Each structure stands twice: as C-alpha cells, then as structure tokens.
Amino acid sequence: MSPDKINLGIAEHLKWKRESFGYVRPDGYICNPDFTEDLNAMQLAEYSLIRSHSLCTAGTWRLYLHYLSIVTDEHCPIDATAMQRAEAFMRCIGKWEEVPA
C-alpha cells in the first residue's frame, strides 16, 4: 500500500475528517499526520487500540502486537519503525491491501 493510502486509512479509523488543508480531529485540532514516517503519530494510533472508549477491544491490541511481530520478524518488536507499525495497524483493523506483484 502507498503511504498516502495508509495515512488515510489510519486517519479514517481515528475518525479524523480529511479536508483540503489536512485532517481535522474530533476535538477540532487540525493536523497533517504522517503515520508511516512519524512514531509520535503512530503512538496516537496505537493508543486508540487500548483506550477504554475505543471501538476496539483488548483482543485487538494483542492482534496488533501479533501483526507487528510478523511484520518485523521479531518476537518483541520494540524498535519497529513507523512504517512497520502502520502496516501492522492497517492489518489489525482489516484495511491492509496487498500490492499485486
């Protein structure tokens, strides 16, 4: 998947609205996240998987960690890049699209 499609998929999952000038979060904050390059942006996305008011469950967090270990080929992927985390996140929420060879 392209970085743009990944960024859009994650932002939509977070309920951020896309505008011509960037994204508008539910709290009204305007931002331009790059989940594939910015670990801080990915931290916001990861946090959405464990928030108590999230639509996701604790099982989703375990699923995310499972995908992250597959993407990084590591048992404990603490040094995963933003791109690896973004791919695991997209797989976890069921929006990952394989690019045809």
Protein backbone atom coordinates (compact mmCIF):
# COMPACT_ATOMS: atom_id res chain seq x y z
CA MET A 1 0.00 0.00 0.00
CA SER A 2 1.12 3.53 -0.63
CA PRO A 3 1.94 5.79 2.33
CA ASP A 4 -0.96 8.08 1.32
CA LYS A 5 -3.47 5.20 1.45
CA ILE A 6 -2.07 4.07 4.79
CA ASN A 7 -2.27 7.58 6.25
CA LEU A 8 -5.85 7.95 5.01
CA GLY A 9 -6.87 4.54 6.37
CA ILE A 10 -5.48 5.21 9.83
CA ALA A 11 -6.91 8.74 9.96
CA GLU A 12 -10.36 7.45 8.97
CA HIS A 13 -10.16 4.76 11.66
CA LEU A 14 -9.38 7.50 14.18
CA LYS A 15 -12.50 9.38 12.95
CA TRP A 16 -10.42 12.25 11.58
CA LYS A 17 -12.05 14.17 8.72
CA ARG A 18 -9.96 14.86 5.62
CA GLU A 19 -10.02 18.45 4.39
CA SER A 20 -8.02 20.21 1.68
CA PHE A 21 -5.67 21.68 4.31
CA GLY A 22 -5.12 18.46 6.30
CA TYR A 23 -7.12 16.41 8.80
CA VAL A 24 -9.50 17.63 11.48
CA ARG A 25 -9.60 15.51 14.61
CA PRO A 26 -12.85 15.09 16.57
CA ASP A 27 -11.56 17.66 19.09
CA GLY A 28 -11.25 20.25 16.28
CA TYR A 29 -7.45 20.17 16.15
CA ILE A 30 -6.07 20.49 12.61
CA CYS A 31 -3.08 18.34 11.75
CA ASN A 32 -1.25 16.66 8.89
CA PRO A 33 -0.08 13.31 10.28
CA ASP A 34 2.35 11.03 8.53
CA PHE A 35 1.78 7.71 10.25
CA THR A 36 4.29 5.94 8.01
CA GLU A 37 7.16 8.26 8.98
CA ASP A 38 6.32 9.65 12.43
CA LEU A 39 6.48 7.46 15.54
CA ASN A 40 4.60 10.12 17.51
CA ALA A 41 1.69 9.93 15.07
CA MET A 42 1.73 6.13 15.31
CA GLN A 43 1.66 6.40 19.09
CA LEU A 44 -1.68 8.22 18.78
CA ALA A 45 -2.99 5.46 16.54
CA GLU A 46 -1.71 2.70 18.83
CA TYR A 47 -3.27 4.42 21.82
CA SER A 48 -6.65 4.25 20.07
CA LEU A 49 -6.47 0.46 20.27
CA ILE A 50 -6.30 0.45 24.06
CA ARG A 51 -8.45 3.43 25.08
CA SER A 52 -11.43 2.42 27.15
CA HIS A 53 -13.85 4.34 24.92
CA SER A 54 -12.39 2.88 21.73
CA LEU A 55 -14.48 0.70 19.45
CA CYS A 56 -11.67 -1.85 19.71
CA THR A 57 -11.18 -4.43 22.43
CA ALA A 58 -8.17 -5.61 24.40
CA GLY A 59 -8.04 -8.52 21.96
CA THR A 60 -7.40 -6.02 19.19
CA TRP A 61 -4.27 -4.82 20.98
CA ARG A 62 -2.99 -8.40 21.15
CA LEU A 63 -3.82 -8.83 17.46
CA TYR A 64 -1.90 -5.65 16.65
CA LEU A 65 1.16 -6.94 18.55
CA HIS A 66 0.85 -10.24 16.69
CA TYR A 67 0.88 -8.48 13.31
CA LEU A 68 3.72 -6.24 14.45
CA SER A 69 5.84 -9.27 15.32
CA ILE A 70 5.10 -10.74 11.88
CA VAL A 71 5.88 -7.51 10.02
CA THR A 72 9.18 -7.04 11.88
CA ASP A 73 10.02 -10.75 12.12
CA GLU A 74 10.83 -10.20 15.80
CA HIS A 75 9.30 -11.71 18.93
CA CYS A 76 9.48 -8.41 20.83
CA PRO A 77 9.42 -5.62 18.21
CA ILE A 78 10.16 -2.62 20.43
CA ASP A 79 12.32 -1.00 17.75
CA ALA A 80 9.73 -1.21 14.96
CA THR A 81 9.72 1.67 12.52
CA ALA A 82 6.71 3.89 11.96
CA MET A 83 6.07 2.18 8.62
CA GLN A 84 6.13 -1.27 10.22
CA ARG A 85 3.75 -0.11 12.94
CA ALA A 86 1.45 1.48 10.35
CA GLU A 87 1.32 -1.75 8.34
CA ALA A 88 0.57 -3.81 11.45
CA PHE A 89 -2.13 -1.30 12.43
CA MET A 90 -3.78 -1.48 9.00
CA ARG A 91 -3.69 -5.28 9.11
CA CYS A 92 -5.19 -5.23 12.59
CA ILE A 93 -8.16 -3.09 11.56
CA GLY A 94 -8.65 -5.11 8.38
CA LYS A 95 -7.77 -2.37 5.89
CA TRP A 96 -4.42 -3.64 4.58
CA GLU A 97 -4.35 -4.21 0.83
CA GLU A 98 -1.63 -6.33 -0.73
CA VAL A 99 0.00 -4.68 -3.73
CA PRO A 100 -0.08 -7.02 -6.75
CA ALA A 101 3.34 -8.07 -8.00
